[in-house]
Every structure is written in structure tokens, then in C-alpha cells.
C-alpha atoms as a PDB file:
ATOM      1  CA  MET A   1       0.152   0.008   0.050  1.00  0.00           C
ATOM      2  CA  GLU A   2       2.789   2.221   0.862  1.00  0.00           C
ATOM      3  CA  GLN A   3       4.437   1.708  -2.408  1.00  0.00           C
ATOM      4  CA  VAL A   4       1.177   2.607  -4.062  1.00  0.00           C
ATOM      5  CA  GLU A   5       0.871   5.956  -2.574  1.00  0.00           C
ATOM      6  CA  GLU A   6       4.595   6.786  -3.045  1.00  0.00           C
ATOM      7  CA  GLU A   7       4.026   5.878  -6.964  1.00  0.00           C
ATOM      8  CA  ARG A   8       0.659   8.312  -6.663  1.00  0.00           C
ATOM      9  CA  GLU A   9       2.812  11.227  -5.054  1.00  0.00           C
ATOM     10  CA  GLU A  10       5.927  10.895  -7.485  1.00  0.00           C
ATOM     11  CA  ALA A  11       3.056  10.875 -10.504  1.00  0.00           C
ATOM     12  CA  ALA A  12       1.493  13.891  -8.959  1.00  0.00           C
ATOM     13  CA  GLU A  13       4.788  15.467  -8.885  1.00  0.00           C
ATOM     14  CA  VAL A  14       5.631  14.750 -12.281  1.00  0.00           C
ATOM     15  CA  MET A  15       2.345  16.540 -13.604  1.00  0.00           C
ATOM     16  CA  GLU A  16       2.706  19.425 -11.843  1.00  0.00           C
ATOM     17  CA  GLN A  17       5.802  20.039 -12.897  1.00  0.00           C
ATOM     18  CA  VAL A  18       4.273  19.136 -16.785  1.00  0.00           C
ATOM     19  CA  GLU A  19       1.879  21.528 -15.870  1.00  0.00           C
ATOM     20  CA  GLU A  20       4.370  24.180 -14.876  1.00  0.00           C
ATOM     21  CA  GLU A  21       6.189  23.475 -18.245  1.00  0.00           C
ATOM     22  CA  ARG A  22       3.041  23.969 -20.167  1.00  0.00           C
ATOM     23  CA  GLU A  23       2.681  27.701 -18.501  1.00  0.00           C
ATOM     24  CA  GLU A  24       6.086  28.586 -19.079  1.00  0.00           C
ATOM     25  CA  ALA A  25       5.590  27.400 -22.895  1.00  0.00           C
ATOM     26  CA  GLY A  26       2.380  29.766 -22.892  1.00  0.00           C
ATOM     27  CA  GLU A  27       4.270  32.757 -21.433  1.00  0.00           C
ATOM     28  CA  THR A  28       7.072  32.295 -24.068  1.00  0.00           C
ATOM     29  CA  ALA A  29       4.409  32.487 -26.824  1.00  0.00           C
ATOM     30  CA  GLU A  30       2.775  35.281 -25.432  1.00  0.00           C
ATOM     31  CA  ALA A  31       6.211  36.682 -25.018  1.00  0.00           C
ATOM     32  CA  MET A  32       6.961  36.278 -28.822  1.00  0.00           C
ATOM     33  CA  GLU A  33       3.518  37.584 -29.981  1.00  0.00           C
ATOM     34  CA  GLN A  34       4.183  41.054 -27.823  1.00  0.00           C
ATOM     35  CA  VAL A  35       7.402  41.160 -29.486  1.00  0.00           C
ATOM     36  CA  GLU A  36       6.057  40.501 -32.808  1.00  0.00           C
ATOM     37  CA  GLU A  37       3.312  43.358 -31.918  1.00  0.00           C
ATOM     38  CA  GLU A  38       6.139  45.662 -31.092  1.00  0.00           C
ATOM     39  CA  ALA A  39       7.905  44.997 -34.303  1.00  0.00           C
ATOM     40  CA  GLU A  40       4.956  45.759 -36.157  1.00  0.00           C
ATOM     41  CA  GLU A  41       4.124  49.304 -34.535  1.00  0.00           C
ATOM     42  CA  ALA A  42       7.507  50.251 -34.782  1.00  0.00           C
ATOM     43  CA  GLY A  43       7.347  49.522 -38.876  1.00  0.00           C
ATOM     44  CA  GLU A  44       9.804  46.876 -38.919  1.00  0.00           C
ATOM     45  CA  PRO A  45       9.256  43.668 -40.781  1.00  0.00           C
ATOM     46  CA  ALA A  46       7.922  40.855 -38.883  1.00  0.00           C
ATOM     47  CA  GLU A  47      10.245  38.633 -40.895  1.00  0.00           C
ATOM     48  CA  ALA A  48      13.117  40.059 -39.030  1.00  0.00           C
ATOM     49  CA  VAL A  49      11.584  39.159 -35.805  1.00  0.00           C
ATOM     50  CA  GLU A  50      11.111  35.325 -36.852  1.00  0.00           C
ATOM     51  CA  GLN A  51      14.501  35.437 -37.945  1.00  0.00           C
ATOM     52  CA  VAL A  52      15.938  36.336 -34.189  1.00  0.00           C
ATOM     53  CA  GLY A  53      13.108  33.579 -32.707  1.00  0.00           C
ATOM     54  CA  ASP A  54      14.654  31.133 -35.166  1.00  0.00           C
ATOM     55  CA  GLU A  55      18.028  31.690 -33.434  1.00  0.00           C
ATOM     56  CA  HIS A  56      17.206  31.665 -30.293  1.00  0.00           C
ATOM     57  CA  GLU A  57      15.567  28.555 -30.899  1.00  0.00           C
ATOM     58  CA  ALA A  58      18.318  27.253 -32.299  1.00  0.00           C
ATOM     59  CA  GLU A  59      20.633  28.490 -29.420  1.00  0.00           C
ATOM     60  CA  ALA A  60      18.403  26.866 -27.238  1.00  0.00           C
ATOM     61  CA  GLU A  61      18.561  23.660 -28.671  1.00  0.00           C
ATOM     62  CA  GLU A  62      22.412  23.816 -28.009  1.00  0.00           C
ATOM     63  CA  GLY A  63      21.652  24.318 -24.873  1.00  0.00           C
ATOM     64  CA  ALA A  64      24.348  25.081 -21.740  1.00  0.00           C
ATOM     65  CA  SER A  65      27.182  23.536 -23.709  1.00  0.00           C
ATOM     66  CA  LEU A  66      28.127  27.064 -25.123  1.00  0.00           C
ATOM     67  CA  ARG A  67      30.431  28.935 -23.690  1.00  0.00           C
ATOM     68  CA  PRO A  68      29.819  32.761 -23.124  1.00  0.00           C
ATOM     69  CA  SER A  69      32.307  34.937 -25.894  1.00  0.00           C
ATOM     70  CA  LEU A  70      32.501  37.264 -23.112  1.00  0.00           C
ATOM     71  CA  PRO A  71      35.988  36.283 -20.825  1.00  0.00           C
ATOM     72  CA  VAL A  72      34.363  35.193 -17.876  1.00  0.00           C
ATOM     73  CA  GLY A  73      37.171  35.824 -15.559  1.00  0.00           C
ATOM     74  CA  ARG A  74      36.968  39.264 -16.708  1.00  0.00           C
ATOM     75  CA  VAL A  75      32.975  39.046 -15.966  1.00  0.00           C
ATOM     76  CA  LYS A  76      33.426  37.780 -12.401  1.00  0.00           C
ATOM     77  CA  ARG A  77      36.143  40.399 -11.529  1.00  0.00           C
ATOM     78  CA  ILE A  78      33.643  42.951 -12.720  1.00  0.00           C
ATOM     79  CA  MET A  79      31.019  41.617 -10.614  1.00  0.00           C
ATOM     80  CA  ARG A  80      33.285  41.403  -7.668  1.00  0.00           C
ATOM     81  CA  VAL A  81      33.875  45.332  -7.834  1.00  0.00           C
ATOM     82  CA  ASP A  82      30.711  45.639  -6.059  1.00  0.00           C
ATOM     83  CA  ARG A  83      31.593  45.854  -2.337  1.00  0.00           C
ATOM     84  CA  ASP A  84      28.272  44.080  -1.192  1.00  0.00           C
ATOM     85  CA  ILE A  85      29.493  41.170  -3.276  1.00  0.00           C
ATOM     86  CA  LYS A  86      31.625  38.401  -1.430  1.00  0.00           C
ATOM     87  CA  LYS A  87      31.458  35.223  -3.481  1.00  0.00           C
ATOM     88  CA  VAL A  88      30.465  34.487  -7.135  1.00  0.00           C
ATOM     89  CA  THR A  89      29.339  31.297  -8.455  1.00  0.00           C
ATOM     90  CA  ASN A  90      30.352  30.147 -11.967  1.00  0.00           C
ATOM     91  CA  GLU A  91      26.716  29.895 -12.713  1.00  0.00           C
ATOM     92  CA  ALA A  92      26.265  33.366 -11.692  1.00  0.00           C
ATOM     93  CA  THR A  93      29.119  34.413 -13.340  1.00  0.00           C
ATOM     94  CA  LEU A  94      27.871  32.517 -16.908  1.00  0.00           C
ATOM     95  CA  LEU A  95      24.400  33.795 -16.998  1.00  0.00           C
ATOM     96  CA  VAL A  96      25.462  37.280 -16.284  1.00  0.00           C
ATOM     97  CA  ALA A  97      27.806  37.090 -19.094  1.00  0.00           C
ATOM     98  CA  ALA A  98      25.140  35.543 -21.315  1.00  0.00           C
ATOM     99  CA  ALA A  99      22.520  38.020 -20.643  1.00  0.00           C
ATOM    100  CA  THR A 100      25.336  40.665 -21.130  1.00  0.00           C
ATOM    101  CA  GLU A 101      25.738  39.023 -24.737  1.00  0.00           C
ATOM    102  CA  LEU A 102      22.182  39.125 -25.162  1.00  0.00           C
ATOM    103  CA  PHE A 103      21.959  42.834 -24.414  1.00  0.00           C
ATOM    104  CA  LEU A 104      24.608  43.659 -26.701  1.00  0.00           C
ATOM    105  CA  GLY A 105      23.461  41.750 -29.525  1.00  0.00           C
ATOM    106  CA  SER A 106      19.982  43.342 -28.812  1.00  0.00           C
ATOM    107  CA  LEU A 107      21.589  46.687 -28.706  1.00  0.00           C
ATOM    108  CA  ALA A 108      23.911  46.525 -31.816  1.00  0.00           C
ATOM    109  CA  ALA A 109      20.471  45.060 -33.618  1.00  0.00           C
ATOM    110  CA  GLY A 110      19.125  48.205 -32.793  1.00  0.00           C
ATOM    111  CA  ALA A 111      21.582  50.284 -33.675  1.00  0.00           C
ATOM    112  CA  HIS A 112      21.968  48.761 -36.954  1.00  0.00           C
ATOM    113  CA  THR A 113      18.102  48.997 -37.899  1.00  0.00           C
ATOM    114  CA  ALA A 114      18.690  52.949 -36.977  1.00  0.00           C
ATOM    115  CA  ALA A 115      21.682  53.252 -39.282  1.00  0.00           C
ATOM    116  CA  ALA A 116      19.824  51.542 -42.160  1.00  0.00           C
ATOM    117  CA  ARG A 117      16.559  54.049 -41.424  1.00  0.00           C
ATOM    118  CA  ARG A 118      19.119  56.787 -42.262  1.00  0.00           C
ATOM    119  CA  GLY A 119      20.823  55.109 -44.958  1.00  0.00           C
ATOM    120  CA  ARG A 120      24.004  54.779 -43.401  1.00  0.00           C
ATOM    121  CA  ARG A 121      26.022  52.092 -43.639  1.00  0.00           C
ATOM    122  CA  THR A 122      27.904  52.666 -40.545  1.00  0.00           C
ATOM    123  CA  VAL A 123      26.615  52.794 -36.958  1.00  0.00           C
ATOM    124  CA  ARG A 124      27.608  55.369 -34.669  1.00  0.00           C
ATOM    125  CA  ALA A 125      26.594  56.518 -31.085  1.00  0.00           C
ATOM    126  CA  VAL A 126      23.662  58.176 -32.695  1.00  0.00           C
ATOM    127  CA  HIS A 127      22.174  55.100 -33.777  1.00  0.00           C
ATOM    128  CA  VAL A 128      23.248  53.232 -30.444  1.00  0.00           C
ATOM    129  CA  ARG A 129      21.354  56.092 -28.847  1.00  0.00           C
ATOM    130  CA  ALA A 130      18.335  55.756 -31.072  1.00  0.00           C
ATOM    131  CA  ALA A 131      18.154  51.837 -30.426  1.00  0.00           C
ATOM    132  CA  ALA A 132      18.139  52.356 -26.846  1.00  0.00           C
ATOM    133  CA  ARG A 133      15.813  55.334 -26.941  1.00  0.00           C
ATOM    134  CA  ALA A 134      13.598  52.818 -28.924  1.00  0.00           C
ATOM    135  CA  HIS A 135      13.617  50.009 -26.434  1.00  0.00           C
ATOM    136  CA  ARG A 136      12.199  51.617 -22.963  1.00  0.00           C
ATOM    137  CA  PRO A 137      13.676  49.695 -20.267  1.00  0.00           C
ATOM    138  CA  THR A 138      17.177  50.320 -21.875  1.00  0.00           C
ATOM    139  CA  ALA A 139      16.353  53.753 -22.309  1.00  0.00           C
ATOM    140  CA  ASP A 140      15.662  54.178 -18.583  1.00  0.00           C
ATOM    141  CA  PHE A 141      19.248  53.462 -17.693  1.00  0.00           C
ATOM    142  CA  LEU A 142      21.298  53.809 -20.235  1.00  0.00           C
ATOM    143  CA  LEU A 143      20.759  56.932 -21.511  1.00  0.00           C
ATOM    144  CA  ASP A 144      22.176  58.817 -18.627  1.00  0.00           C
ATOM    145  CA  SER A 145      25.658  57.380 -19.939  1.00  0.00           C
ATOM    146  CA  LEU A 146      25.424  57.693 -23.364  1.00  0.00           C
ATOM    147  CA  PRO A 147      26.848  60.979 -24.849  1.00  0.00           C
ATOM    148  CA  ALA A 148      24.035  63.704 -25.826  1.00  0.00           C
ATOM    149  CA  GLU A 149      23.428  64.060 -29.942  1.00  0.00           C
ATOM    150  CA  GLU A 150      24.852  67.400 -29.831  1.00  0.00           C
ATOM    151  CA  GLU A 151      27.489  66.790 -27.271  1.00  0.00           C
ATOM    152  CA  ALA A 152      29.534  64.091 -29.499  1.00  0.00           C
ATOM    153  CA  PRO A 153      32.703  65.869 -31.031  1.00  0.00           C
ATOM    154  CA  ARG A 154      34.659  64.301 -33.207  1.00  0.00           C
ATOM    155  CA  ALA A 155      38.013  64.815 -31.940  1.00  0.00           C
ATOM    156  CA  ARG A 156      38.400  64.170 -28.162  1.00  0.00           C
ATOM    157  CA  PRO A 157      39.783  67.380 -26.670  1.00  0.00           C
ATOM    158  CA  VAL A 158      43.106  67.314 -24.715  1.00  0.00           C
ATOM    159  CA  ALA A 159      42.715  66.261 -21.117  1.00  0.00           C
ATOM    160  CA  GLY A 160      43.524  69.305 -18.364  1.00  0.00           C
ATOM    161  CA  SER A 161      42.920  71.974 -21.149  1.00  0.00           C
ATOM    162  CA  SER A 162      40.614  74.826 -20.464  1.00  0.00           C
ATOM    163  CA  GLY A 163      38.130  74.725 -23.163  1.00  0.00           C
ATOM    164  CA  GLY A 164      35.474  77.587 -21.972  1.00  0.00           C
ATOM    165  CA  GLY A 165      33.828  74.680 -19.580  1.00  0.00           C
ATOM    166  CA  GLY A 166      30.705  74.917 -21.999  1.00  0.00           C
ATOM    167  CA  GLY A 167      29.634  71.738 -20.942  1.00  0.00           C
ATOM    168  CA  ARG A 168      26.329  70.156 -19.324  1.00  0.00           C
ATOM    169  CA  GLU A 169      26.109  69.965 -15.966  1.00  0.00           C
ATOM    170  CA  ALA A 170      25.151  66.081 -15.253  1.00  0.00           C
ATOM    171  CA  LYS A 171      21.861  65.394 -13.029  1.00  0.00           C
ATOM    172  CA  PRO A 172      22.508  64.232  -9.295  1.00  0.00           C
ATOM    173  CA  LEU A 173      22.003  60.937  -8.714  1.00  0.00           C
ATOM    174  CA  PRO A 174      19.582  59.539  -6.344  1.00  0.00           C
ATOM    175  CA  ARG A 175      21.437  58.435  -3.062  1.00  0.00           C
ATOM    176  CA  GLY A 176      23.145  54.900  -3.236  1.00  0.00           C
ATOM    177  CA  THR A 177      23.438  55.004  -6.963  1.00  0.00           C
ATOM    178  CA  ARG A 178      26.358  55.232  -9.806  1.00  0.00           C
ATOM    179  CA  ARG A 179      26.326  56.042 -13.495  1.00  0.00           C
ATOM    180  CA  ILE A 180      26.575  52.846 -15.215  1.00  0.00           C
ATOM    181  CA  ASP A 181      29.716  54.101 -16.817  1.00  0.00           C
ATOM    182  CA  ALA A 182      31.454  54.804 -13.037  1.00  0.00           C
ATOM    183  CA  PHE A 183      33.137  51.310 -13.597  1.00  0.00           C
ATOM    184  CA  PHE A 184      35.628  52.449 -16.438  1.00  0.00           C
ATOM    185  CA  GLN A 185      36.596  55.899 -14.559  1.00  0.00           C
ATOM    186  CA  LYS A 186      39.618  56.161 -12.780  1.00  0.00           C
ATOM    187  CA  VAL A 187      38.731  57.500  -8.813  1.00  0.00           C
ATOM    188  CA  THR A 188      41.727  59.474  -7.335  1.00  0.00           C
END
């Protein structure tokens, strides 16, 4: 009798897992439909969205055997720059590296689309800014770090020169936060 009850419990657990997988598949389908709707609203052809979806499916089939192209050690060091983080697992590092690759790929694709709309073959900072502005979650954190379109000089001024000080003042950040590019600035 106990064995029958155990088998029933195992069967119930398996059924719950199958149901959860069905729900996740439904959420994925809804997300793809939403992406297609957004692409249609933006005036982009739906074929491009389908191609991206096919690429993601191919990557998903290959599974976790793929290693990210970003150097995992460097990603781990960047993560540990935050004083609150003591240890970082390999799985977390791989996930952050993979997410970064996906984000950069999405940003690059958007910048390419923006450049193509303007009839340009070279992607410039203006196109990256347009791509970030087009995607609202990206715009929320990235636009503050990108140079303004008017400010982007063709040649960098020499450090230490007093060029008139016609620059725009930076907005004060909320307490306890820092700019996304603060990692790359030298602190004295």
C-alpha cells in the first residue's frame, strides 16, 4: 500500500512539473507575440523578428554547452567590484555573461536598424542612442551614460585643457547609486 501511495505522489509531482512547463511555454509564446506586435507597431518587418526567434530556438537547442564569448574571469572580476558581493558562483557568472551578450546583441541590432533607416552603412553613437531610446527599459538606465547627440565631438579634447567649460552639468543621482560607466572611470 505504501508503495502505491508513493507512486501516486511521484505521479502527482510529475504532473505538476508538466503543467508548469506548459505554463512556461504559454508565457514564452505570449512574449513572442508581444515582440511581434511591438515590431509591427515600430514599422519593422515581422520577418526580422521571426529570424531572431529562429536564432534563439537554435541556441536553446544547443543548450548550456555553449560558452559565452565574453571572458568569464573578467566578468567575475567586474561583478566583484561591488563591495556588497563577497563570492560569485560560476553559474551566476555564466548567466551574467550570457545576459550581457544578449543585451549587446539586441543593442547592436537596434543600432544597425537605426543606421539602415537613415541610409547609413556605419553605426555611430547616434544610432546606438536611437536604439536605446526605442527600447524603454534600456532607455531608463542607458541614456544617462551615452553622450548627447549635440555633445558628441568629432575629436576628443586634450585632457586638462580649459576649453571654455561649455559642458552640460550632470544630473544628481539618487543616493546610493552610481552611473553605469563609473566602473571605467579612474578614481583618485
